[in-house]
PDB file of N, CA and C in Angstrom:
ATOM      1  N   UNK A   1     167.385  62.333  75.265  1.00  0.00           N
ATOM      2  CA  UNK A   1     165.844  62.110  75.474  1.00  0.00           C
ATOM      3  C   UNK A   1     165.375  62.946  76.739  1.00  0.00           C
ATOM      4  N   UNK A   2     164.138  63.449  76.418  1.00  0.00           N
ATOM      5  CA  UNK A   2     163.472  64.411  77.539  1.00  0.00           C
ATOM      6  C   UNK A   2     163.108  63.653  78.650  1.00  0.00           C
ATOM      7  N   UNK A   3     163.250  63.822  79.624  1.00  0.00           N
ATOM      8  CA  UNK A   3     162.635  63.114  81.129  1.00  0.00           C
ATOM      9  C   UNK A   3     161.366  64.203  81.618  1.00  0.00           C
ATOM     10  N   UNK A   4     160.537  63.427  81.890  1.00  0.00           N
ATOM     11  CA  UNK A   4     159.324  64.942  82.411  1.00  0.00           C
ATOM     12  C   UNK A   4     158.681  63.789  83.424  1.00  0.00           C
ATOM     13  N   UNK A   5     158.462  64.321  84.826  1.00  0.00           N
ATOM     14  CA  UNK A   5     157.899  63.611  85.715  1.00  0.00           C
ATOM     15  C   UNK A   5     156.375  64.098  85.941  1.00  0.00           C
ATOM     16  N   UNK A   6     155.259  63.124  85.838  1.00  0.00           N
ATOM     17  CA  UNK A   6     154.039  63.597  85.808  1.00  0.00           C
ATOM     18  C   UNK A   6     153.316  62.674  86.812  1.00  0.00           C
ATOM     19  N   UNK A   7     152.036  63.424  87.302  1.00  0.00           N
ATOM     20  CA  UNK A   7     151.549  62.574  88.372  1.00  0.00           C
ATOM     21  C   UNK A   7     150.048  62.166  87.884  1.00  0.00           C
ATOM     22  N   UNK A   8     149.515  61.354  88.317  1.00  0.00           N
ATOM     23  CA  UNK A   8     148.189  61.089  87.743  1.00  0.00           C
ATOM     24  C   UNK A   8     147.150  62.168  87.422  1.00  0.00           C
ATOM     25  N   UNK A   9     146.741  62.210  86.220  1.00  0.00           N
ATOM     26  CA  UNK A   9     145.751  63.530  85.839  1.00  0.00           C
ATOM     27  C   UNK A   9     146.635  64.374  85.094  1.00  0.00           C
ATOM     28  N   UNK A  10     147.905  64.331  85.210  1.00  0.00           N
ATOM     29  CA  UNK A  10     148.603  65.238  84.547  1.00  0.00           C
ATOM     30  C   UNK A  10     149.051  64.920  83.001  1.00  0.00           C
ATOM     31  N   UNK A  11     149.231  65.743  82.279  1.00  0.00           N
ATOM     32  CA  UNK A  11     149.669  65.585  81.032  1.00  0.00           C
ATOM     33  C   UNK A  11     150.723  66.351  80.291  1.00  0.00           C
ATOM     34  N   UNK A  12     151.249  65.913  79.111  1.00  0.00           N
ATOM     35  CA  UNK A  12     152.159  66.929  78.222  1.00  0.00           C
ATOM     36  C   UNK A  12     151.660  66.660  76.813  1.00  0.00           C
ATOM     37  N   UNK A  13     152.142  67.955  76.347  1.00  0.00           N
ATOM     38  CA  UNK A  13     151.517  68.223  74.896  1.00  0.00           C
ATOM     39  C   UNK A  13     152.774  68.088  73.977  1.00  0.00           C
ATOM     40  N   UNK A  14     152.589  67.338  72.942  1.00  0.00           N
ATOM     41  CA  UNK A  14     153.745  67.539  71.893  1.00  0.00           C
ATOM     42  C   UNK A  14     153.190  68.330  70.628  1.00  0.00           C
ATOM     43  N   UNK A  15     154.020  68.861  70.273  1.00  0.00           N
ATOM     44  CA  UNK A  15     153.892  69.761  69.049  1.00  0.00           C
ATOM     45  C   UNK A  15     152.534  70.415  69.013  1.00  0.00           C
ATOM     46  N   UNK A  16     151.791  70.768  69.956  1.00  0.00           N
ATOM     47  CA  UNK A  16     150.510  71.306  70.142  1.00  0.00           C
ATOM     48  C   UNK A  16     149.378  70.465  69.963  1.00  0.00           C
ATOM     49  N   UNK A  17     149.591  69.597  69.154  1.00  0.00           N
ATOM     50  CA  UNK A  17     148.284  68.439  68.839  1.00  0.00           C
ATOM     51  C   UNK A  17     148.351  67.314  69.322  1.00  0.00           C
ATOM     52  N   UNK A  18     149.454  66.887  70.062  1.00  0.00           N
ATOM     53  CA  UNK A  18     149.154  65.520  70.726  1.00  0.00           C
ATOM     54  C   UNK A  18     149.320  65.831  72.177  1.00  0.00           C
ATOM     55  N   UNK A  19     148.371  65.135  72.851  1.00  0.00           N
ATOM     56  CA  UNK A  19     148.350  65.287  74.280  1.00  0.00           C
ATOM     57  C   UNK A  19     148.562  63.658  74.933  1.00  0.00           C
ATOM     58  N   UNK A  20     149.463  63.637  75.849  1.00  0.00           N
ATOM     59  CA  UNK A  20     149.879  62.357  76.276  1.00  0.00           C
ATOM     60  C   UNK A  20     149.291  62.587  78.108  1.00  0.00           C
ATOM     61  N   UNK A  21     148.389  62.196  78.717  1.00  0.00           N
ATOM     62  CA  UNK A  21     148.036  62.129  79.987  1.00  0.00           C
ATOM     63  C   UNK A  21     148.139  60.695  80.572  1.00  0.00           C
ATOM     64  N   UNK A  22     148.641  61.116  82.076  1.00  0.00           N
ATOM     65  CA  UNK A  22     148.977  59.990  82.922  1.00  0.00           C
ATOM     66  C   UNK A  22     147.533  59.619  83.505  1.00  0.00           C
ATOM     67  N   UNK A  23     146.807  58.517  83.298  1.00  0.00           N
ATOM     68  CA  UNK A  23     145.696  58.181  83.815  1.00  0.00           C
ATOM     69  C   UNK A  23     145.734  57.350  85.017  1.00  0.00           C
ATOM     70  N   UNK A  24     146.701  56.464  85.189  1.00  0.00           N
ATOM     71  CA  UNK A  24     146.812  55.799  86.567  1.00  0.00           C
ATOM     72  C   UNK A  24     148.439  55.332  86.778  1.00  0.00           C
ATOM     73  N   UNK A  25     148.767  55.175  88.029  1.00  0.00           N
ATOM     74  CA  UNK A  25     150.084  54.488  88.294  1.00  0.00           C
ATOM     75  C   UNK A  25     149.518  53.399  89.192  1.00  0.00           C
ATOM     76  N   UNK A  26     150.182  52.453  88.985  1.00  0.00           N
ATOM     77  CA  UNK A  26     149.783  51.177  90.041  1.00  0.00           C
ATOM     78  C   UNK A  26     150.261  49.963  89.854  1.00  0.00           C
ATOM     79  N   UNK A  27     150.857  49.380  90.707  1.00  0.00           N
ATOM     80  CA  UNK A  27     151.700  48.310  90.815  1.00  0.00           C
ATOM     81  C   UNK A  27     153.031  48.285  89.685  1.00  0.00           C
ATOM     82  N   UNK A  28     153.577  49.280  89.833  1.00  0.00           N
ATOM     83  CA  UNK A  28     154.867  49.540  88.736  1.00  0.00           C
ATOM     84  C   UNK A  28     154.341  49.657  87.250  1.00  0.00           C
ATOM     85  N   UNK A  29     152.909  50.018  87.193  1.00  0.00           N
ATOM     86  CA  UNK A  29     152.592  49.902  85.751  1.00  0.00           C
ATOM     87  C   UNK A  29     151.826  51.376  85.494  1.00  0.00           C
ATOM     88  N   UNK A  30     152.102  51.954  84.382  1.00  0.00           N
ATOM     89  CA  UNK A  30     151.488  53.178  84.040  1.00  0.00           C
ATOM     90  C   UNK A  30     150.557  53.332  82.850  1.00  0.00           C
ATOM     91  N   UNK A  31     149.268  53.642  82.993  1.00  0.00           N
ATOM     92  CA  UNK A  31     148.259  53.669  82.041  1.00  0.00           C
ATOM     93  C   UNK A  31     148.062  55.247  81.786  1.00  0.00           C
ATOM     94  N   UNK A  32     148.497  55.370  80.258  1.00  0.00           N
ATOM     95  CA  UNK A  32     148.455  56.468  79.494  1.00  0.00           C
ATOM     96  C   UNK A  32     147.387  56.787  78.605  1.00  0.00           C
ATOM     97  N   UNK A  33     146.833  57.789  78.308  1.00  0.00           N
ATOM     98  CA  UNK A  33     145.887  58.169  77.634  1.00  0.00           C
ATOM     99  C   UNK A  33     146.357  59.054  76.398  1.00  0.00           C
ATOM    100  N   UNK A  34     146.175  58.878  75.245  1.00  0.00           N
ATOM    101  CA  UNK A  34     146.720  59.660  73.983  1.00  0.00           C
ATOM    102  C   UNK A  34     145.552  60.366  73.331  1.00  0.00           C
ATOM    103  N   UNK A  35     145.371  61.806  73.025  1.00  0.00           N
ATOM    104  CA  UNK A  35     144.527  62.425  72.350  1.00  0.00           C
ATOM    105  C   UNK A  35     145.537  62.881  71.174  1.00  0.00           C
ATOM    106  N   UNK A  36     144.985  62.631  69.786  1.00  0.00           N
ATOM    107  CA  UNK A  36     146.064  63.184  68.884  1.00  0.00           C
ATOM    108  C   UNK A  36     145.036  63.312  67.655  1.00  0.00           C
ATOM    109  N   UNK A  37     145.656  64.097  66.419  1.00  0.00           N
ATOM    110  CA  UNK A  37     144.419  64.429  65.395  1.00  0.00           C
ATOM    111  C   UNK A  37     144.204  63.016  64.565  1.00  0.00           C
ATOM    112  N   UNK A  38     143.262  62.970  64.029  1.00  0.00           N
ATOM    113  CA  UNK A  38     142.863  61.893  62.977  1.00  0.00           C
ATOM    114  C   UNK A  38     143.712  61.725  62.010  1.00  0.00           C
ATOM    115  N   UNK A  39     144.207  60.609  61.651  1.00  0.00           N
ATOM    116  CA  UNK A  39     145.242  60.529  60.606  1.00  0.00           C
ATOM    117  C   UNK A  39     146.704  59.907  61.269  1.00  0.00           C
ATOM    118  N   UNK A  40     147.078  60.293  61.984  1.00  0.00           N
ATOM    119  CA  UNK A  40     148.201  59.820  63.025  1.00  0.00           C
ATOM    120  C   UNK A  40     148.351  58.381  63.572  1.00  0.00           C
ATOM    121  N   UNK A  41     148.949  57.831  63.605  1.00  0.00           N
ATOM    122  CA  UNK A  41     148.942  56.395  64.173  1.00  0.00           C
ATOM    123  C   UNK A  41     150.122  56.583  65.479  1.00  0.00           C
ATOM    124  N   UNK A  42     149.788  55.614  66.450  1.00  0.00           N
ATOM    125  CA  UNK A  42     150.302  55.639  67.708  1.00  0.00           C
ATOM    126  C   UNK A  42     150.429  54.123  67.911  1.00  0.00           C
ATOM    127  N   UNK A  43     151.809  53.589  68.206  1.00  0.00           N
ATOM    128  CA  UNK A  43     151.967  51.980  68.315  1.00  0.00           C
ATOM    129  C   UNK A  43     152.699  52.047  69.584  1.00  0.00           C
ATOM    130  N   UNK A  44     152.439  50.888  70.157  1.00  0.00           N
ATOM    131  CA  UNK A  44     153.798  50.402  71.356  1.00  0.00           C
ATOM    132  C   UNK A  44     155.048  50.455  70.744  1.00  0.00           C
ATOM    133  N   UNK A  45     156.000  50.791  71.558  1.00  0.00           N
ATOM    134  CA  UNK A  45     157.222  50.686  70.991  1.00  0.00           C
ATOM    135  C   UNK A  45     157.697  49.135  70.245  1.00  0.00           C
ATOM    136  N   UNK A  46     157.442  48.064  71.015  1.00  0.00           N
ATOM    137  CA  UNK A  46     157.766  47.015  70.774  1.00  0.00           C
ATOM    138  C   UNK A  46     157.122  46.412  69.366  1.00  0.00           C
ATOM    139  N   UNK A  47     155.602  46.968  69.041  1.00  0.00           N
ATOM    140  CA  UNK A  47     155.220  46.662  68.046  1.00  0.00           C
ATOM    141  C   UNK A  47     155.581  47.354  66.885  1.00  0.00           C
ATOM    142  N   UNK A  48     155.836  48.571  67.152  1.00  0.00           N
ATOM    143  CA  UNK A  48     156.391  49.523  65.954  1.00  0.00           C
ATOM    144  C   UNK A  48     157.649  48.760  65.431  1.00  0.00           C
ATOM    145  N   UNK A  49     158.767  48.547  66.421  1.00  0.00           N
ATOM    146  CA  UNK A  49     159.950  47.808  66.028  1.00  0.00           C
ATOM    147  C   UNK A  49     159.701  46.537  65.049  1.00  0.00           C
ATOM    148  N   UNK A  50     158.457  45.832  65.539  1.00  0.00           N
ATOM    149  CA  UNK A  50     157.999  44.772  64.603  1.00  0.00           C
ATOM    150  C   UNK A  50     157.754  44.968  63.341  1.00  0.00           C
ATOM    151  N   UNK A  51     157.050  45.943  63.393  1.00  0.00           N
ATOM    152  CA  UNK A  51     156.464  46.601  61.951  1.00  0.00           C
ATOM    153  C   UNK A  51     157.700  46.846  60.997  1.00  0.00           C
ATOM    154  N   UNK A  52     158.369  47.697  61.781  1.00  0.00           N
ATOM    155  CA  UNK A  52     159.535  48.001  60.795  1.00  0.00           C
ATOM    156  C   UNK A  52     160.545  46.925  60.160  1.00  0.00           C
ATOM    157  N   UNK A  53     160.734  45.865  61.175  1.00  0.00           N
ATOM    158  CA  UNK A  53     161.330  44.767  60.603  1.00  0.00           C
ATOM    159  C   UNK A  53     160.656  44.285  59.551  1.00  0.00           C
ATOM    160  N   UNK A  54     159.531  43.946  59.788  1.00  0.00           N
ATOM    161  CA  UNK A  54     158.731  43.018  58.523  1.00  0.00           C
ATOM    162  C   UNK A  54     158.579  44.265  57.199  1.00  0.00           C
ATOM    163  N   UNK A  55     158.699  45.146  57.268  1.00  0.00           N
ATOM    164  CA  UNK A  55     158.673  46.307  56.262  1.00  0.00           C
ATOM    165  C   UNK A  55     159.769  46.087  55.401  1.00  0.00           C
ATOM    166  N   UNK A  56     160.947  45.961  56.325  1.00  0.00           N
ATOM    167  CA  UNK A  56     162.322  45.897  55.896  1.00  0.00           C
ATOM    168  C   UNK A  56     162.328  44.399  55.148  1.00  0.00           C
ATOM    169  N   UNK A  57     162.200  43.342  55.680  1.00  0.00           N
ATOM    170  CA  UNK A  57     162.196  42.084  55.265  1.00  0.00           C
ATOM    171  C   UNK A  57     161.344  42.089  53.991  1.00  0.00           C
ATOM    172  N   UNK A  58     160.196  42.603  54.025  1.00  0.00           N
ATOM    173  CA  UNK A  58     159.535  42.620  52.728  1.00  0.00           C
ATOM    174  C   UNK A  58     160.072  43.555  51.668  1.00  0.00           C
ATOM    175  N   UNK A  59     160.707  44.612  52.021  1.00  0.00           N
ATOM    176  CA  UNK A  59     161.536  45.435  50.620  1.00  0.00           C
ATOM    177  C   UNK A  59     162.714  44.520  50.186  1.00  0.00           C
ATOM    178  N   UNK A  60     163.306  43.977  50.907  1.00  0.00           N
ATOM    179  CA  UNK A  60     164.416  43.051  50.647  1.00  0.00           C
ATOM    180  C   UNK A  60     164.202  42.098  49.692  1.00  0.00           C
ATOM    181  N   UNK A  61     162.930  41.354  49.942  1.00  0.00           N
ATOM    182  CA  UNK A  61     162.868  40.028  49.423  1.00  0.00           C
ATOM    183  C   UNK A  61     162.140  40.238  47.948  1.00  0.00           C
ATOM    184  N   UNK A  62     161.363  41.471  48.025  1.00  0.00           N
ATOM    185  CA  UNK A  62     160.694  41.829  46.592  1.00  0.00           C
ATOM    186  C   UNK A  62     161.484  41.929  45.419  1.00  0.00           C
ATOM    187  N   UNK A  63     161.083  41.165  44.419  1.00  0.00           N
ATOM    188  CA  UNK A  63     161.996  41.164  43.279  1.00  0.00           C
ATOM    189  C   UNK A  63     161.452  42.045  42.305  1.00  0.00           C
ATOM    190  N   UNK A  64     161.873  43.243  41.623  1.00  0.00           N
ATOM    191  CA  UNK A  64     161.400  43.949  40.758  1.00  0.00           C
ATOM    192  C   UNK A  64     160.935  43.388  39.291  1.00  0.00           C
ATOM    193  N   UNK A  65     159.736  43.562  38.704  1.00  0.00           N
ATOM    194  CA  UNK A  65     159.269  43.150  37.737  1.00  0.00           C
ATOM    195  C   UNK A  65     159.791  43.829  36.349  1.00  0.00           C
ATOM    196  N   UNK A  66     160.906  43.438  35.653  1.00  0.00           N
ATOM    197  CA  UNK A  66     161.572  44.426  34.911  1.00  0.00           C
ATOM    198  C   UNK A  66     160.583  44.579  33.573  1.00  0.00           C
ATOM    199  N   UNK A  67     159.621  43.634  33.169  1.00  0.00           N
ATOM    200  CA  UNK A  67     158.778  43.589  32.160  1.00  0.00           C
ATOM    201  C   UNK A  67     157.705  45.042  32.584  1.00  0.00           C
ATOM    202  N   UNK A  68     157.510  45.290  33.893  1.00  0.00           N
ATOM    203  CA  UNK A  68     156.471  46.188  34.383  1.00  0.00           C
ATOM    204  C   UNK A  68     157.252  47.488  34.410  1.00  0.00           C
ATOM    205  N   UNK A  69     158.594  47.543  34.503  1.00  0.00           N
ATOM    206  CA  UNK A  69     159.194  48.994  34.514  1.00  0.00           C
ATOM    207  C   UNK A  69     159.306  49.263  32.972  1.00  0.00           C
ATOM    208  N   UNK A  70     159.487  48.432  31.961  1.00  0.00           N
ATOM    209  CA  UNK A  70     159.590  48.661  30.567  1.00  0.00           C
ATOM    210  C   UNK A  70     158.132  48.982  29.944  1.00  0.00           C
ATOM    211  N   UNK A  71     157.195  48.633  30.854  1.00  0.00           N
ATOM    212  CA  UNK A  71     155.694  49.357  30.101  1.00  0.00           C
ATOM    213  C   UNK A  71     155.495  50.649  30.742  1.00  0.00           C
ATOM    214  N   UNK A  72     156.084  51.244  31.948  1.00  0.00           N
ATOM    215  CA  UNK A  72     156.069  52.278  32.368  1.00  0.00           C
ATOM    216  C   UNK A  72     156.832  53.119  31.855  1.00  0.00           C
ATOM    217  N   UNK A  73     158.073  52.480  31.263  1.00  0.00           N
ATOM    218  CA  UNK A  73     158.805  53.700  30.180  1.00  0.00           C
ATOM    219  C   UNK A  73     158.455  53.882  29.026  1.00  0.00           C
ATOM    220  N   UNK A  74     157.669  52.819  28.316  1.00  0.00           N
ATOM    221  CA  UNK A  74     157.245  53.050  27.087  1.00  0.00           C
ATOM    222  C   UNK A  74     156.008  53.758  27.197  1.00  0.00           C
ATOM    223  N   UNK A  75     155.422  54.007  28.248  1.00  0.00           N
ATOM    224  CA  UNK A  75     154.194  54.799  28.510  1.00  0.00           C
ATOM    225  C   UNK A  75     154.351  56.218  28.896  1.00  0.00           C
ATOM    226  N   UNK A  76     155.651  56.659  28.829  1.00  0.00           N
ATOM    227  CA  UNK A  76     155.989  57.733  29.265  1.00  0.00           C
ATOM    228  C   UNK A  76     155.983  58.846  28.181  1.00  0.00           C
ATOM    229  N   UNK A  77     155.294  60.151  28.392  1.00  0.00           N
ATOM    230  CA  UNK A  77     155.230  60.998  27.342  1.00  0.00           C
ATOM    231  C   UNK A  77     156.468  62.024  27.532  1.00  0.00           C
ATOM    232  N   UNK A  78     157.564  61.727  26.939  1.00  0.00           N
ATOM    233  CA  UNK A  78     158.891  62.441  27.218  1.00  0.00           C
ATOM    234  C   UNK A  78     159.060  63.369  25.828  1.00  0.00           C
ATOM    235  N   UNK A  79     159.423  64.603  26.287  1.00  0.00           N
ATOM    236  CA  UNK A  79     159.718  65.499  25.302  1.00  0.00           C
ATOM    237  C   UNK A  79     160.752  65.034  24.324  1.00  0.00           C
ATOM    238  N   UNK A  80     160.388  65.317  22.713  1.00  0.00           N
ATOM    239  CA  UNK A  80     161.274  64.915  21.799  1.00  0.00           C
ATOM    240  C   UNK A  80     162.024  66.167  21.798  1.00  0.00           C
ATOM    241  N   UNK A  81     163.588  65.546  21.656  1.00  0.00           N
ATOM    242  CA  UNK A  81     164.773  66.364  21.805  1.00  0.00           C
ATOM    243  C   UNK A  81     164.771  67.485  20.822  1.00  0.00           C
ATOM    244  N   UNK A  82     164.846  68.742  21.082  1.00  0.00           N
ATOM    245  CA  UNK A  82     164.891  69.952  20.320  1.00  0.00           C
ATOM    246  C   UNK A  82     163.855  70.420  20.274  1.00  0.00           C
ATOM    247  N   UNK A  83     162.488  69.727  20.370  1.00  0.00           N
ATOM    248  CA  UNK A  83     160.959  70.696  20.000  1.00  0.00           C
ATOM    249  C   UNK A  83     160.628  71.029  20.663  1.00  0.00           C
ATOM    250  N   UNK A  84     160.509  70.814  22.178  1.00  0.00           N
ATOM    251  CA  UNK A  84     159.806  71.214  23.312  1.00  0.00           C
ATOM    252  C   UNK A  84     158.606  70.568  23.402  1.00  0.00           C
ATOM    253  N   UNK A  85     158.440  69.573  22.410  1.00  0.00           N
ATOM    254  CA  UNK A  85     156.949  69.012  22.348  1.00  0.00           C
ATOM    255  C   UNK A  85     156.862  67.638  22.975  1.00  0.00           C
ATOM    256  N   UNK A  86     155.889  67.235  23.504  1.00  0.00           N
ATOM    257  CA  UNK A  86     155.788  66.032  23.916  1.00  0.00           C
ATOM    258  C   UNK A  86     156.066  64.895  22.605  1.00  0.00           C
ATOM    259  N   UNK A  87     156.529  63.947  23.267  1.00  0.00           N
ATOM    260  CA  UNK A  87     156.623  62.836  22.277  1.00  0.00           C
ATOM    261  C   UNK A  87     155.045  62.430  21.928  1.00  0.00           C
ATOM    262  N   UNK A  88     154.881  61.923  20.896  1.00  0.00           N
ATOM    263  CA  UNK A  88     153.561  61.198  20.491  1.00  0.00           C
ATOM    264  C   UNK A  88     152.993  60.039  21.318  1.00  0.00           C
ATOM    265  N   UNK A  89     151.855  59.911  21.783  1.00  0.00           N
ATOM    266  CA  UNK A  89     151.810  58.553  22.690  1.00  0.00           C
ATOM    267  C   UNK A  89     151.986  57.315  21.849  1.00  0.00           C
ATOM    268  N   UNK A  90     152.307  56.337  22.757  1.00  0.00           N
ATOM    269  CA  UNK A  90     152.495  55.098  21.799  1.00  0.00           C
ATOM    270  C   UNK A  90     151.214  54.562  21.451  1.00  0.00           C
ATOM    271  N   UNK A  91     151.393  53.839  20.091  1.00  0.00           N
ATOM    272  CA  UNK A  91     150.006  53.190  19.733  1.00  0.00           C
ATOM    273  C   UNK A  91     150.151  51.887  20.106  1.00  0.00           C
ATOM    274  N   UNK A  92     148.680  51.272  20.314  1.00  0.00           N
ATOM    275  CA  UNK A  92     148.453  49.953  20.489  1.00  0.00           C
ATOM    276  C   UNK A  92     147.472  49.567  19.552  1.00  0.00           C
ATOM    277  N   UNK A  93     146.935  48.018  19.679  1.00  0.00           N
ATOM    278  CA  UNK A  93     146.099  47.768  18.379  1.00  0.00           C
ATOM    279  C   UNK A  93     144.578  48.472  18.684  1.00  0.00           C
ATOM    280  N   UNK A  94     144.425  48.914  20.159  1.00  0.00           N
ATOM    281  CA  UNK A  94     143.153  49.879  20.454  1.00  0.00           C
ATOM    282  C   UNK A  94     143.005  50.851  19.690  1.00  0.00           C
ATOM    283  N   UNK A  95     144.180  51.513  19.544  1.00  0.00           N
ATOM    284  CA  UNK A  95     144.190  52.806  18.465  1.00  0.00           C
ATOM    285  C   UNK A  95     144.025  52.563  17.105  1.00  0.00           C
ATOM    286  N   UNK A  96     143.848  51.451  16.808  1.00  0.00           N
ATOM    287  CA  UNK A  96     143.855  51.135  15.290  1.00  0.00           C
ATOM    288  C   UNK A  96     142.477  51.145  14.957  1.00  0.00           C
ATOM    289  N   UNK A  97     141.519  51.640  15.417  1.00  0.00           N
ATOM    290  CA  UNK A  97     140.101  51.815  14.921  1.00  0.00           C
ATOM    291  C   UNK A  97     139.227  50.494  15.420  1.00  0.00           C
ATOM    292  N   UNK A  98     139.702  49.547  15.793  1.00  0.00           N
ATOM    293  CA  UNK A  98     139.059  48.534  16.286  1.00  0.00           C
ATOM    294  C   UNK A  98     138.309  48.586  17.492  1.00  0.00           C
ATOM    295  N   UNK A  99     138.315  49.503  18.379  1.00  0.00           N
ATOM    296  CA  UNK A  99     137.821  49.709  19.528  1.00  0.00           C
ATOM    297  C   UNK A  99     136.517  50.868  19.298  1.00  0.00           C
ATOM    298  N   UNK A 100     135.150  50.087  19.510  1.00  0.00           N
ATOM    299  CA  UNK A 100     133.906  51.081  19.153  1.00  0.00           C
ATOM    300  C   UNK A 100     134.002  52.085  20.244  1.00  0.00           C
ATOM    301  N   UNK A 101     134.923  52.287  21.419  1.00  0.00           N
ATOM    302  CA  UNK A 101     134.600  53.223  22.094  1.00  0.00           C
ATOM    303  C   UNK A 101     135.648  54.602  21.852  1.00  0.00           C
ATOM    304  N   UNK A 102     136.470  54.247  20.701  1.00  0.00           N
ATOM    305  CA  UNK A 102     137.655  55.015  20.473  1.00  0.00           C
ATOM    306  C   UNK A 102     136.860  56.215  19.344  1.00  0.00           C
ATOM    307  N   UNK A 103     136.915  57.359  19.976  1.00  0.00           N
ATOM    308  CA  UNK A 103     136.239  58.541  19.371  1.00  0.00           C
ATOM    309  C   UNK A 103     136.853  59.624  18.363  1.00  0.00           C
ATOM    310  N   UNK A 104     138.208  58.945  18.202  1.00  0.00           N
ATOM    311  CA  UNK A 104     139.135  59.667  17.260  1.00  0.00           C
ATOM    312  C   UNK A 104     139.180  61.121  17.270  1.00  0.00           C
ATOM    313  N   UNK A 105     138.921  61.721  18.571  1.00  0.00           N
ATOM    314  CA  UNK A 105     138.865  63.046  19.090  1.00  0.00           C
ATOM    315  C   UNK A 105     137.451  63.727  18.829  1.00  0.00           C
ATOM    316  N   UNK A 106     136.623  63.207  18.272  1.00  0.00           N
ATOM    317  CA  UNK A 106     135.174  63.750  18.052  1.00  0.00           C
ATOM    318  C   UNK A 106     134.344  64.084  19.174  1.00  0.00           C
ATOM    319  N   UNK A 107     134.642  63.179  20.384  1.00  0.00           N
ATOM    320  CA  UNK A 107     133.662  63.272  21.534  1.00  0.00           C
ATOM    321  C   UNK A 107     132.953  62.113  21.483  1.00  0.00           C
ATOM    322  N   UNK A 108     132.460  61.675  20.133  1.00  0.00           N
ATOM    323  CA  UNK A 108     131.490  60.656  20.222  1.00  0.00           C
ATOM    324  C   UNK A 108     131.785  59.433  19.571  1.00  0.00           C
ATOM    325  N   UNK A 109     131.132  58.327  20.345  1.00  0.00           N
ATOM    326  CA  UNK A 109     131.790  57.041  19.884  1.00  0.00           C
ATOM    327  C   UNK A 109     131.678  56.516  18.413  1.00  0.00           C
ATOM    328  N   UNK A 110     132.273  55.567  17.822  1.00  0.00           N
ATOM    329  CA  UNK A 110     132.192  55.313  16.544  1.00  0.00           C
ATOM    330  C   UNK A 110     130.871  55.030  15.789  1.00  0.00           C
ATOM    331  N   UNK A 111     130.108  54.674  16.699  1.00  0.00           N
ATOM    332  CA  UNK A 111     128.905  54.097  16.163  1.00  0.00           C
ATOM    333  C   UNK A 111     127.699  55.084  16.104  1.00  0.00           C
ATOM    334  N   UNK A 112     128.137  56.342  16.236  1.00  0.00           N
ATOM    335  CA  UNK A 112     127.005  57.357  16.079  1.00  0.00           C
ATOM    336  C   UNK A 112     127.444  58.341  14.924  1.00  0.00           C
TER     337      UNK A 112
END
């Protein structure tokens, strides 16, 4: 851990993009100001620890949906062994010509 002593009004810079400035020291408390690039997050230590615990608990309690995994695998366009070409896309009832928006590669809907 790096220890740095600063007085009110003094700052430190982290990675050239984050500035931490001592705004006030009073009654055993330190008020800090942070300037950092948009898109970064700054959390109090105790809040960050709680977020980490909740994320871990949520990840452990989530049960994977095996039917969803099967759907993803079925929709993968993997190469056919030895051909170097992708496997044909799986067909559905929508591909059978029942869908008026299916243009069969013509660029025009069926009703035109």
